[in-house]
Protein backbone atom coordinates (compact mmCIF):
# COMPACT_ATOMS: atom_id res chain seq x y z
CA MET A 1 -17.37 -40.98 73.22
CA THR A 2 -17.21 -43.70 70.71
CA LYS A 3 -19.26 -41.69 68.25
CA HIS A 4 -17.01 -38.69 68.79
CA LYS A 5 -13.86 -40.73 68.08
CA SER A 6 -15.42 -42.23 65.00
CA ASP A 7 -16.35 -38.71 63.72
CA GLN A 8 -12.85 -37.53 64.41
CA LYS A 9 -11.32 -40.40 62.54
CA SER A 10 -13.58 -39.86 59.59
CA HIS A 11 -12.76 -36.10 59.60
CA HIS A 12 -9.02 -36.73 59.51
CA LYS A 13 -9.36 -39.36 56.82
CA ASN A 14 -11.05 -36.83 54.40
CA GLN A 15 -8.29 -34.26 54.83
CA PRO A 16 -5.45 -34.23 52.26
CA GLN A 17 -2.07 -35.33 53.58
CA PRO A 18 0.15 -32.27 54.29
CA GLU A 19 2.94 -33.53 52.08
CA LYS A 20 0.67 -34.11 49.13
CA PHE A 21 -1.01 -30.78 49.48
CA ASN A 22 2.34 -29.04 49.53
CA ASN A 23 3.47 -30.84 46.38
CA TRP A 24 0.43 -29.56 44.44
CA LYS A 25 1.04 -26.09 45.81
CA LYS A 26 4.63 -26.22 44.62
CA LEU A 27 3.59 -27.43 41.19
CA TYR A 28 1.08 -24.62 40.71
CA LEU A 29 3.70 -22.14 41.87
CA LEU A 30 6.24 -23.52 39.48
CA ILE A 31 3.78 -23.33 36.54
CA GLY A 32 2.97 -19.70 37.47
CA ILE A 33 6.71 -18.84 37.54
CA ILE A 34 7.35 -20.48 34.16
CA VAL A 35 4.35 -18.57 32.59
CA VAL A 36 5.72 -15.29 34.07
CA VAL A 37 9.28 -16.01 32.84
CA ILE A 38 8.03 -16.83 29.29
CA ALA A 39 6.03 -13.65 29.18
CA ILE A 40 8.93 -11.60 30.32
CA ILE A 41 11.24 -13.19 27.79
CA PHE A 42 8.67 -12.59 24.98
CA ILE A 43 8.29 -8.90 25.96
CA TRP A 44 12.07 -8.52 26.31
CA LYS A 45 12.73 -9.98 22.93
CA SER A 46 10.14 -7.76 21.27
CA THR A 47 11.52 -4.73 22.99
CA ASP A 48 15.04 -5.75 22.26
CA LYS A 49 14.36 -6.38 18.64
CA ARG A 50 12.77 -2.88 18.37
CA ALA A 51 15.74 -1.36 20.20
CA VAL A 52 18.20 -3.11 17.84
CA LYS A 53 16.28 -1.91 14.80
CA ASN A 54 16.23 1.66 16.13
CA SER A 55 19.92 1.41 16.90
CA GLU A 56 20.49 0.17 13.36
CA THR A 57 18.49 3.01 11.97
CA GLN A 58 20.52 5.51 13.95
CA THR A 59 23.77 3.76 12.84
CA ASP A 60 22.73 3.98 9.23
CA ILE A 61 22.09 7.66 9.60
CA GLN A 62 25.43 8.28 11.34
CA GLN A 63 27.36 6.23 8.71
CA SER A 64 25.81 8.32 5.93
CA LYS A 65 27.19 11.46 7.49
CA GLN A 66 30.37 11.31 5.57
CA LEU A 67 32.19 14.18 3.80
CA THR A 68 29.18 16.44 3.72
CA GLY A 69 28.42 16.17 7.42
CA LYS A 70 24.85 15.14 6.76
CA PRO A 71 23.06 12.11 5.37
CA LYS A 72 22.98 11.89 1.58
CA PRO A 73 19.33 12.26 0.32
CA ILE A 74 19.03 8.72 -0.96
CA GLU A 75 20.57 7.19 2.23
CA LYS A 76 18.28 9.17 4.47
CA TRP A 77 15.24 8.09 2.59
CA ILE A 78 16.32 4.45 2.42
CA VAL A 79 16.62 4.45 6.25
CA ARG A 80 13.18 5.97 6.58
CA ALA A 81 11.62 3.60 4.08
CA LYS A 82 13.08 0.58 5.93
CA ALA A 83 11.69 1.89 9.25
CA VAL A 84 8.28 2.32 7.79
CA ASP A 85 8.54 -1.12 6.18
CA GLU A 86 9.43 -2.86 9.41
CA GLN A 87 6.07 -1.79 10.87
CA PHE A 88 4.28 -2.83 7.68
CA HIS A 89 5.76 -6.31 7.93
CA THR A 90 4.67 -6.50 11.58
CA VAL A 91 1.03 -5.71 10.76
CA TYR A 92 0.91 -7.35 7.30
CA THR A 93 -2.21 -9.22 6.13
CA PRO A 94 -2.30 -11.21 2.82
CA CYS A 95 -4.93 -9.22 0.97
CA TRP A 96 -5.34 -5.91 -0.87
CA GLU A 97 -3.80 -3.83 1.96
CA GLY A 98 -0.78 -6.11 2.02
CA ALA A 99 -0.53 -5.65 -1.79
CA TYR A 100 -0.10 -1.87 -1.19
CA GLY A 101 3.13 -2.44 0.75
CA ALA A 102 4.13 -5.29 -1.56
CA ILE A 103 4.24 -2.73 -4.41
CA GLY A 104 6.34 -0.36 -2.38
CA ASP A 105 8.65 -3.21 -1.38
CA ALA A 106 9.18 -4.20 -5.01
CA TYR A 107 10.47 -0.71 -5.77
CA LEU A 108 12.54 -0.55 -2.61
CA PHE A 109 14.06 -3.98 -3.37
CA THR A 110 15.31 -2.61 -6.73
CA VAL A 111 17.37 -0.13 -4.89
CA THR A 112 18.50 -2.01 -1.81
CA LYS A 113 18.68 -5.53 -3.22
CA ASP A 114 17.56 -6.71 0.25
CA SER A 115 16.92 -10.42 -0.12
CA ALA A 116 14.73 -10.26 3.01
CA LEU A 117 12.15 -8.28 1.06
CA LEU A 118 12.06 -10.84 -1.71
CA ARG A 119 11.81 -13.70 0.76
CA PHE A 120 9.00 -11.96 2.61
CA HIS A 121 6.77 -11.59 -0.51
CA THR A 122 7.60 -14.76 -2.42
CA ILE A 123 8.27 -17.36 0.29
CA GLU A 124 7.18 -16.32 3.79
CA HIS A 125 4.03 -14.62 2.38
CA ASP A 126 3.53 -16.00 -1.22
CA MET A 127 1.68 -13.36 -3.22
CA ARG A 128 -0.01 -16.06 -5.18
CA LYS A 129 -1.92 -17.04 -2.04
CA MET A 130 -3.25 -13.59 -1.37
CA CYS A 131 -7.04 -13.24 -0.98
CA GLU A 132 -9.34 -12.48 -3.89
CA GLY A 133 -10.87 -9.56 -2.02
CA THR A 134 -14.32 -8.24 -2.78
CA TRP A 135 -14.27 -5.23 -5.08
CA VAL A 136 -12.34 -5.59 -8.36
CA ASP A 137 -9.73 -3.06 -7.30
CA ASP A 138 -8.65 -5.47 -4.51
CA ARG A 139 -7.38 -7.91 -7.10
CA ALA A 140 -5.93 -5.10 -9.23
CA TRP A 141 -3.51 -4.14 -6.53
CA ILE A 142 -2.53 -7.74 -6.02
CA CYS A 143 -2.00 -8.24 -9.76
CA LEU A 144 0.14 -5.16 -9.95
CA ALA A 145 2.25 -6.25 -6.95
CA GLU A 146 2.82 -9.58 -8.77
CA PHE A 147 3.79 -7.84 -11.96
CA TYR A 148 6.27 -5.51 -10.35
CA TRP A 149 8.02 -8.28 -8.46
CA TRP A 150 8.15 -10.30 -11.66
CA ASP A 151 9.58 -7.29 -13.50
CA PHE A 152 12.15 -6.23 -10.86
CA THR A 153 13.48 -9.71 -10.26
CA GLY A 154 14.55 -10.45 -13.77
CA ARG A 155 11.17 -11.48 -15.34
CA LYS A 156 11.81 -15.11 -14.58
CA ASN A 157 9.08 -15.96 -11.97
CA HIS A 158 6.39 -16.62 -14.46
CA SER A 159 4.04 -18.12 -11.88
CA LEU A 160 3.41 -14.59 -10.70
CA ILE A 161 2.19 -13.62 -14.10
CA GLN A 162 0.11 -16.78 -14.38
CA ASP A 163 -1.56 -15.96 -11.11
CA ALA A 164 -2.23 -12.32 -12.17
CA LYS A 165 -3.74 -13.61 -15.40
CA LYS A 166 -6.06 -15.96 -13.47
CA ARG A 167 -7.25 -13.13 -11.22
CA TYR A 168 -7.81 -10.86 -14.19
CA ASP A 169 -9.56 -13.40 -16.35
CA GLU A 170 -11.91 -14.45 -13.51
CA ALA A 171 -13.08 -10.86 -12.99
CA ARG A 172 -13.45 -10.31 -16.72
CA ASN A 173 -15.55 -13.51 -17.11
CA GLU A 174 -17.71 -12.44 -14.18
CA GLY A 175 -18.75 -9.40 -16.21
CA ARG A 176 -17.08 -6.73 -14.06
CA LEU A 177 -16.02 -5.01 -17.27
CA SER A 178 -19.32 -3.52 -18.34
CA ASN A 179 -21.10 -0.90 -20.39
CA HIS A 180 -24.39 -1.04 -18.45
CA ASN A 181 -24.19 2.65 -17.54
CA GLY A 182 -23.75 3.75 -21.12
CA TYR A 183 -20.00 3.68 -21.27
CA TRP A 184 -17.25 1.03 -20.90
CA SER A 185 -15.67 0.79 -17.41
CA TRP A 186 -14.59 -1.71 -14.78
CA TYR A 187 -17.01 -2.02 -11.84
CA ASN A 188 -16.54 -3.23 -8.27
CA TRP A 189 -19.13 -5.93 -9.04
CA SER A 190 -20.72 -7.14 -12.17
CA PRO A 191 -24.07 -5.40 -12.81
CA ASN A 192 -26.07 -8.55 -12.09
CA ALA A 193 -24.14 -9.44 -8.89
CA ASN A 194 -26.36 -10.26 -5.99
CA VAL A 195 -24.69 -7.97 -3.37
CA GLN A 196 -26.31 -5.74 -0.82
CA GLU A 197 -24.26 -2.67 -1.70
CA ASN A 198 -23.77 0.02 -4.32
CA ILE A 199 -22.39 -1.18 -7.64
CA PHE A 200 -20.19 1.54 -8.95
CA THR A 201 -17.06 2.42 -10.87
CA ASN A 202 -14.13 4.81 -10.30
CA SER A 203 -10.45 5.15 -11.11
CA ASN A 204 -9.62 2.50 -8.57
CA MET A 205 -11.73 -0.09 -10.33
CA ASN A 206 -10.10 0.93 -13.66
CA GLN A 207 -6.71 0.05 -12.34
CA MET A 208 -7.66 -3.28 -14.03
CA MET A 209 -6.72 -1.43 -17.17
CA THR A 210 -3.20 -0.91 -15.83
CA VAL A 211 -3.20 -4.67 -15.05
CA ALA A 212 -4.28 -5.45 -18.64
CA CYS A 213 -1.37 -3.29 -20.04
CA CYS A 214 1.05 -5.14 -17.69
CA LEU A 215 -0.30 -8.52 -18.78
CA TYR A 216 0.06 -7.52 -22.40
CA GLU A 217 3.61 -6.46 -21.70
CA ALA A 218 4.39 -9.73 -19.95
CA THR A 219 2.60 -12.12 -22.31
CA GLY A 220 2.14 -10.42 -25.62
CA GLU A 221 -1.49 -11.56 -25.64
CA ARG A 222 -3.32 -8.77 -27.59
CA HIS A 223 -6.73 -9.19 -25.95
CA TYR A 224 -5.39 -7.69 -22.73
CA LEU A 225 -4.38 -4.49 -24.57
CA ASP A 226 -7.69 -4.49 -26.44
CA ASP A 227 -9.50 -4.49 -23.10
CA ALA A 228 -7.55 -1.52 -21.85
CA LEU A 229 -8.12 0.46 -25.09
CA LEU A 230 -11.81 -0.46 -25.03
CA VAL A 231 -12.29 1.03 -21.60
CA TRP A 232 -10.29 4.24 -22.37
CA ASN A 233 -11.57 4.88 -25.93
CA GLY A 234 -14.80 2.93 -26.21
CA ASP A 235 -16.14 1.29 -29.39
CA LYS A 236 -18.71 2.19 -32.03
CA LYS A 237 -21.67 1.70 -29.69
CA PHE A 238 -20.41 2.94 -26.32
CA PRO A 239 -17.75 5.58 -25.33
CA GLY A 240 -14.92 5.02 -22.97
CA ILE A 241 -13.87 6.85 -19.84
CA GLU A 242 -11.89 9.59 -21.68
CA LYS A 243 -15.04 10.94 -23.47
CA ILE A 244 -17.21 10.60 -20.36
CA LEU A 245 -14.90 11.75 -17.56
CA TYR A 246 -12.08 13.83 -19.01
CA LYS A 247 -12.90 17.53 -19.46
CA GLY A 248 -9.58 18.65 -20.84
CA ASP A 249 -6.58 20.55 -19.43
CA GLY A 250 -5.98 17.90 -16.76
CA LYS A 251 -9.50 18.04 -15.27
CA TRP A 252 -11.46 14.82 -14.61
CA GLU A 253 -15.04 14.99 -13.42
CA GLY A 254 -17.56 12.25 -12.53
CA LYS A 255 -20.35 11.44 -10.07
CA PRO A 256 -19.62 12.68 -6.54
CA GLY A 257 -19.70 10.62 -3.42
CA ARG A 258 -17.51 9.46 -0.54
CA ALA A 259 -13.95 8.87 -1.39
CA ALA A 260 -13.95 5.12 -1.35
CA PHE A 261 -17.76 4.51 -1.80
CA GLY A 262 -19.01 5.96 -5.03
CA ASN A 263 -16.85 8.95 -6.01
CA GLU A 264 -16.07 8.28 -9.66
CA VAL A 265 -12.97 10.44 -9.77
CA PRO A 266 -11.21 10.33 -6.42
CA TRP A 267 -7.85 12.07 -5.99
CA GLN A 268 -8.98 14.60 -8.70
CA GLY A 269 -8.27 11.87 -11.29
CA ALA A 270 -4.71 11.07 -10.18
CA GLY A 271 -5.47 7.41 -10.67
CA PHE A 272 -5.78 7.98 -14.42
CA CYS A 273 -2.07 9.01 -14.46
CA THR A 274 -1.07 5.42 -13.71
CA ILE A 275 -3.58 4.11 -16.29
CA GLY A 276 -2.58 6.56 -18.95
CA ALA A 277 1.14 5.95 -18.29
CA ALA A 278 0.61 2.23 -18.70
CA LEU A 279 -1.14 2.77 -22.04
CA TYR A 280 1.60 5.14 -23.21
CA ARG A 281 4.19 2.60 -22.23
CA VAL A 282 2.74 -0.17 -24.34
CA THR A 283 1.41 1.87 -27.23
CA LYS A 284 3.72 4.98 -27.38
CA ASP A 285 0.66 6.97 -28.42
CA PRO A 286 1.43 10.62 -27.39
CA LYS A 287 -2.22 11.25 -26.60
CA TYR A 288 -1.95 9.34 -23.36
CA LYS A 289 1.22 11.03 -22.27
CA LYS A 290 -0.31 14.46 -22.91
CA ILE A 291 -3.38 13.74 -20.76
CA VAL A 292 -1.18 12.25 -17.97
CA VAL A 293 1.03 15.33 -17.89
CA GLU A 294 -1.88 17.70 -17.87
CA THR A 295 -3.53 15.74 -15.08
CA ALA A 296 -0.42 15.63 -12.86
CA LYS A 297 0.27 19.31 -13.39
CA ARG A 298 -3.23 20.30 -12.46
CA ILE A 299 -3.48 18.27 -9.37
CA MET A 300 -0.07 19.34 -7.97
CA ASP A 301 -0.72 23.04 -8.60
CA PRO A 302 -1.81 24.39 -5.23
CA ALA A 303 -3.83 27.12 -6.95
CA ASN A 304 -6.37 24.34 -7.78
CA GLY A 305 -6.93 23.67 -4.10
CA TRP A 306 -6.18 19.99 -3.85
CA VAL A 307 -2.73 20.04 -2.16
CA ASP A 308 -1.11 22.27 0.45
CA PRO A 309 0.90 25.16 -1.13
CA TYR A 310 3.96 24.45 1.06
CA ASP A 311 4.20 20.74 1.81
CA PHE A 312 2.01 19.47 -1.05
CA TYR A 313 0.03 16.91 0.99
CA GLN A 314 -3.56 16.13 0.06
CA ILE A 315 -5.83 18.43 2.11
CA GLN A 316 -9.06 16.43 1.79
CA MET A 317 -8.41 12.73 1.19
CA ASP A 318 -6.71 9.51 2.27
CA GLY A 319 -4.95 6.96 0.08
CA ASN A 320 -1.61 8.79 0.11
CA GLY A 321 0.45 5.86 -0.92
CA ALA A 322 -1.67 5.41 -4.05
CA PHE A 323 -1.62 9.15 -4.60
CA VAL A 324 2.24 9.19 -4.58
CA ASN A 325 2.25 6.09 -6.74
CA PHE A 326 0.02 7.70 -9.37
CA LEU A 327 2.09 10.89 -9.57
CA LEU A 328 5.38 9.05 -9.89
CA ASP A 329 3.97 6.90 -12.61
CA ALA A 330 3.18 10.08 -14.47
CA TYR A 331 6.78 11.35 -13.84
CA ALA A 332 8.22 8.08 -15.09
CA ILE A 333 6.95 8.69 -18.65
CA ALA A 334 7.52 12.49 -18.68
CA PRO A 335 10.54 13.35 -16.40
CA ASP A 336 11.31 16.54 -18.35
CA GLU A 337 7.76 17.87 -18.24
CA LEU A 338 7.23 16.92 -14.64
CA GLN A 339 10.49 17.75 -12.99
CA ASP A 340 8.77 19.36 -10.06
CA ILE A 341 7.03 16.15 -9.00
CA PRO A 342 9.87 14.42 -7.00
CA PRO A 343 10.74 17.60 -4.99
CA LYS A 344 7.09 18.10 -4.15
CA ILE A 345 6.71 14.51 -2.98
CA GLU A 346 9.87 14.83 -1.01
CA LYS A 347 8.35 17.83 0.86
CA MET A 348 5.20 15.82 1.38
CA LEU A 349 7.01 12.90 2.92
CA GLU A 350 9.23 15.16 4.98
CA HIS A 351 6.12 16.83 6.33
CA VAL A 352 4.81 13.39 7.36
CA TRP A 353 8.07 12.18 8.94
CA THR A 354 8.45 15.33 11.04
CA ASN A 355 4.83 15.56 12.02
CA HIS A 356 4.36 18.71 9.97
CA HIS A 357 7.65 20.08 11.26
CA GLY A 358 6.47 19.48 14.84
CA ALA A 359 3.20 21.45 14.46
CA ALA A 360 0.69 18.65 13.59
CA SER A 361 -2.30 18.35 15.88
CA VAL A 362 -2.77 14.71 14.91
CA THR A 363 -0.05 11.99 14.79
CA LEU A 364 1.29 11.61 11.26
CA HIS A 365 4.39 9.69 12.29
CA ARG A 366 4.45 7.62 15.45
CA GLU A 367 8.15 7.56 16.33
CA THR A 368 8.07 4.58 18.67
CA ASP A 369 7.42 2.14 15.83
CA HIS A 370 7.36 4.42 12.73
CA GLY A 371 3.63 3.92 12.29
CA ILE A 372 2.25 6.28 9.70
CA ARG A 373 -1.18 7.86 9.69
CA ASN A 374 -3.55 7.13 6.77
CA GLY A 375 -4.54 10.74 6.23
CA TRP A 376 -1.76 13.19 5.93
CA ASN A 377 -3.48 16.48 6.74
CA PRO A 378 -1.82 17.59 9.97
CA TYR A 379 -5.08 18.74 11.36
CA GLY A 380 -7.27 15.73 10.39
CA GLY A 381 -10.72 15.84 9.01
CA GLU A 382 -10.02 14.15 5.61
CA ASP A 383 -12.51 12.08 3.64
CA GLY A 384 -11.73 8.39 3.15
CA TYR A 385 -11.42 4.90 4.66
CA GLY A 386 -9.92 4.88 8.17
CA VAL A 387 -8.12 8.28 7.83
CA ASP A 388 -7.32 8.35 11.51
CA GLU A 389 -5.64 4.94 11.61
CA VAL A 390 -1.88 4.97 12.46
CA GLY A 391 0.38 2.04 11.77
CA THR A 392 -2.38 -0.40 10.82
CA VAL A 393 -1.97 -2.62 7.75
CA HIS A 394 -4.14 -0.23 5.72
CA ALA A 395 -2.25 2.94 6.73
CA GLN A 396 1.18 1.32 6.85
CA GLY A 397 0.78 -0.41 3.50
CA GLU A 398 0.00 2.98 1.91
CA ALA A 399 3.04 4.50 3.58
CA ALA A 400 5.37 1.61 2.54
CA ARG A 401 4.12 2.11 -0.95
CA ALA A 402 4.89 5.87 -0.91
CA PHE A 403 8.31 5.66 0.70
CA GLY A 404 9.38 2.69 -1.46
CA LEU A 405 8.42 4.36 -4.74
CA PHE A 406 10.02 7.64 -3.72
CA VAL A 407 13.29 5.92 -2.90
CA TYR A 408 13.25 4.21 -6.32
CA TYR A 409 12.72 7.48 -8.28
CA LEU A 410 15.13 9.41 -6.14
CA ASN A 411 17.71 6.83 -6.90
CA LEU A 412 16.95 7.13 -10.64
CA LYS A 413 17.22 10.87 -10.32
CA GLU A 414 20.71 10.56 -8.83
CA LYS A 415 21.60 8.42 -11.78
CA ASN A 416 20.28 11.10 -14.15
CA TYR A 417 17.43 8.89 -15.28
CA SER A 418 19.56 7.17 -17.76
CA HIS A 419 16.88 4.52 -18.35
CA VAL A 420 13.54 6.00 -17.20
CA GLN A 421 11.93 5.54 -20.58
């Protein structure tokens, strides 16, 4: 009996007091409720923000339906560019893919004067703090983004040019501008780099020539222009890319390979339109303009098989923001000779926005958040890097670039190109 009472006492002593147990239970329940409420608020705010933006987009479209009963072309495309841009800002990363969209945003800013774009790329996400990347074209896109923002904001933010110079000079000093294959060109790595991958060149790598022209324009330092001329024309010992890769009448030809991993002339040489246009802009040598015009005409002629005959999208490759950029750079120096470029690009972008007029078998434009696919063939199957991605920083950066540049040149067209050249 005594033992039993003692055991019973001990048993009750080890049990938590009912009131204390209930207090802990209430605390855990309260914490759980708070977590659920916070999650609901977060989801609601995200959804509400998206709904507000969609509402603003629809309002913009409705407000543009004045007099004519339909949106004016420039207004419609500004609305679309902003919608694409919102998703780009959501998925933004501070590296080469972010630089794609930063280029497009610079052009869009010139038309809209939206201070939020300026703040995004110079304060919230300072371009000078962007990554160095790996291949040399990574820094080329960043340098070009810095140049365009410097140019389009009054040419006063000289720290952007100083940073672009630093990036360029470092790559130059590393030996990435080389003649080790028998001709002058920029390479993804220097020929002696200890990397476990293919060391190669293509028109992406040679966008460093465009950077060199921009730095010459910004600083007046002749050695930058000399670099660009060396790569294009060569010297007494080694030829440049024109002699090696250009076959005449707009045709460029180099070593084959996957689009982003060894192909010396991706996009059928469209990248050389930007390079040649930059050289023409700073030298006024008509040779460069002639080659640029020939190249753009050949690429955009459906008879040559690179673009669709109706909507003019690339049939076989990704990188469509760059592709649009290259073609519009060509147009910028030769608007009379290349009058068909903006209308063809408009058809291309309309095809993307409408998912190939509702007939695409892959998603080109995800309407819920305006994510854009990296490849623009409505049936898929393109060559390239992440062609099936929709709304990622890579795909969306390309899209922001394409839509931003198109808005810029459409705006100039409406102003009769009074200051294109």
